[in-house]
Amino acid sequence: MSDTQFLIETPEQSRIFLAAGSAADFLLAGGFANAGREPHWHLRWCLERMQLEEFMEVGQARVFCQHQE
């Protein structure tokens, strides 16, 4: 979805990512996702399949799929 972006809200900050891969990298590097239980490829797969206005919880982070601003 080239016209979408991922808004990730954590207890410390909010960040926007234009690609599922970079959003997955952030979630794993920040410790929000467990790489042993949810490897990068699976997390990216889930993010790529999100619908607009959908959200999902990843640890203490909340991911929103929205139109690019």
C-alpha atoms as a PDB file:
ATOM      1  CA  MET A   1       0.000   0.000   0.000  1.00  0.00           C
ATOM      2  CA  SER A   2       2.077   2.915  -1.244  1.00  0.00           C
ATOM      3  CA  ASP A   3      -0.390   5.553  -0.062  1.00  0.00           C
ATOM      4  CA  THR A   4      -0.385   4.349   3.538  1.00  0.00           C
ATOM      5  CA  GLN A   5       1.818   4.948   6.527  1.00  0.00           C
ATOM      6  CA  PHE A   6       2.188   3.453   9.967  1.00  0.00           C
ATOM      7  CA  LEU A   7       1.832   5.641  13.038  1.00  0.00           C
ATOM      8  CA  ILE A   8       3.437   3.932  16.014  1.00  0.00           C
ATOM      9  CA  GLU A   9       2.616   5.284  19.458  1.00  0.00           C
ATOM     10  CA  THR A  10       4.727   4.173  22.402  1.00  0.00           C
ATOM     11  CA  PRO A  11       4.705   5.387  26.008  1.00  0.00           C
ATOM     12  CA  GLU A  12       7.657   7.663  25.122  1.00  0.00           C
ATOM     13  CA  GLN A  13       6.933   8.900  21.597  1.00  0.00           C
ATOM     14  CA  SER A  14       4.980   8.755  18.350  1.00  0.00           C
ATOM     15  CA  ARG A  15       6.723   7.942  15.061  1.00  0.00           C
ATOM     16  CA  ILE A  16       5.546   7.627  11.464  1.00  0.00           C
ATOM     17  CA  PHE A  17       6.942   5.043   9.063  1.00  0.00           C
ATOM     18  CA  LEU A  18       6.211   4.859   5.343  1.00  0.00           C
ATOM     19  CA  ALA A  19       7.150   1.180   5.016  1.00  0.00           C
ATOM     20  CA  ALA A  20       6.249  -1.977   6.912  1.00  0.00           C
ATOM     21  CA  GLY A  21       9.893  -3.071   7.037  1.00  0.00           C
ATOM     22  CA  SER A  22      11.108   0.043   8.838  1.00  0.00           C
ATOM     23  CA  ALA A  23       8.112  -0.080  11.192  1.00  0.00           C
ATOM     24  CA  ALA A  24       8.944  -3.714  12.018  1.00  0.00           C
ATOM     25  CA  ASP A  25      12.613  -2.782  12.576  1.00  0.00           C
ATOM     26  CA  PHE A  26      11.561  -0.065  15.042  1.00  0.00           C
ATOM     27  CA  LEU A  27       9.204  -2.376  16.940  1.00  0.00           C
ATOM     28  CA  LEU A  28      11.848  -5.086  17.270  1.00  0.00           C
ATOM     29  CA  ALA A  29      14.747  -2.746  18.116  1.00  0.00           C
ATOM     30  CA  GLY A  30      12.635  -0.990  20.746  1.00  0.00           C
ATOM     31  CA  GLY A  31      11.733  -4.273  22.419  1.00  0.00           C
ATOM     32  CA  PHE A  32       8.015  -3.905  21.707  1.00  0.00           C
ATOM     33  CA  ALA A  33       7.963  -7.109  19.646  1.00  0.00           C
ATOM     34  CA  ASN A  34       9.596 -10.371  20.710  1.00  0.00           C
ATOM     35  CA  ALA A  35      11.870 -11.559  17.884  1.00  0.00           C
ATOM     36  CA  GLY A  36      11.796 -15.134  19.192  1.00  0.00           C
ATOM     37  CA  ARG A  37       8.019 -15.304  19.083  1.00  0.00           C
ATOM     38  CA  GLU A  38       7.348 -12.862  16.261  1.00  0.00           C
ATOM     39  CA  PRO A  39      10.250 -12.797  13.770  1.00  0.00           C
ATOM     40  CA  HIS A  40      10.790  -9.808  11.482  1.00  0.00           C
ATOM     41  CA  TRP A  41       9.250 -11.475   8.429  1.00  0.00           C
ATOM     42  CA  HIS A  42       6.046 -12.304  10.329  1.00  0.00           C
ATOM     43  CA  LEU A  43       5.703  -8.859  11.884  1.00  0.00           C
ATOM     44  CA  ARG A  44       6.238  -7.255   8.478  1.00  0.00           C
ATOM     45  CA  TRP A  45       3.696  -9.646   6.932  1.00  0.00           C
ATOM     46  CA  CYS A  46       1.094  -8.593   9.534  1.00  0.00           C
ATOM     47  CA  LEU A  47       1.811  -4.889   9.005  1.00  0.00           C
ATOM     48  CA  GLU A  48       1.563  -5.192   5.213  1.00  0.00           C
ATOM     49  CA  ARG A  49      -1.892  -6.731   5.532  1.00  0.00           C
ATOM     50  CA  MET A  50      -3.364  -4.077   7.813  1.00  0.00           C
ATOM     51  CA  GLN A  51      -6.380  -2.196   6.467  1.00  0.00           C
ATOM     52  CA  LEU A  52      -6.705   1.588   6.586  1.00  0.00           C
ATOM     53  CA  GLU A  53      -7.801   2.848  10.004  1.00  0.00           C
ATOM     54  CA  GLU A  54      -6.958  -0.530  11.558  1.00  0.00           C
ATOM     55  CA  PHE A  55      -4.745  -0.717  14.629  1.00  0.00           C
ATOM     56  CA  MET A  56      -2.904  -3.454  16.446  1.00  0.00           C
ATOM     57  CA  GLU A  57      -1.100  -3.714  19.739  1.00  0.00           C
ATOM     58  CA  VAL A  58       2.544  -4.792  19.720  1.00  0.00           C
ATOM     59  CA  GLY A  59       3.704  -4.983  23.304  1.00  0.00           C
ATOM     60  CA  GLN A  60       3.344  -1.477  24.741  1.00  0.00           C
ATOM     61  CA  ALA A  61       3.175   0.051  21.260  1.00  0.00           C
ATOM     62  CA  ARG A  62       0.053   0.715  19.239  1.00  0.00           C
ATOM     63  CA  VAL A  63       0.311   0.687  15.440  1.00  0.00           C
ATOM     64  CA  PHE A  64      -2.197   2.560  13.260  1.00  0.00           C
ATOM     65  CA  CYS A  65      -2.449   2.125   9.501  1.00  0.00           C
ATOM     66  CA  GLN A  66      -3.492   5.420   7.908  1.00  0.00           C
ATOM     67  CA  HIS A  67      -3.335   7.468   4.687  1.00  0.00           C
ATOM     68  CA  GLN A  68      -0.036   9.222   4.081  1.00  0.00           C
ATOM     69  CA  GLU A  69      -0.154  12.876   5.001  1.00  0.00           C
END
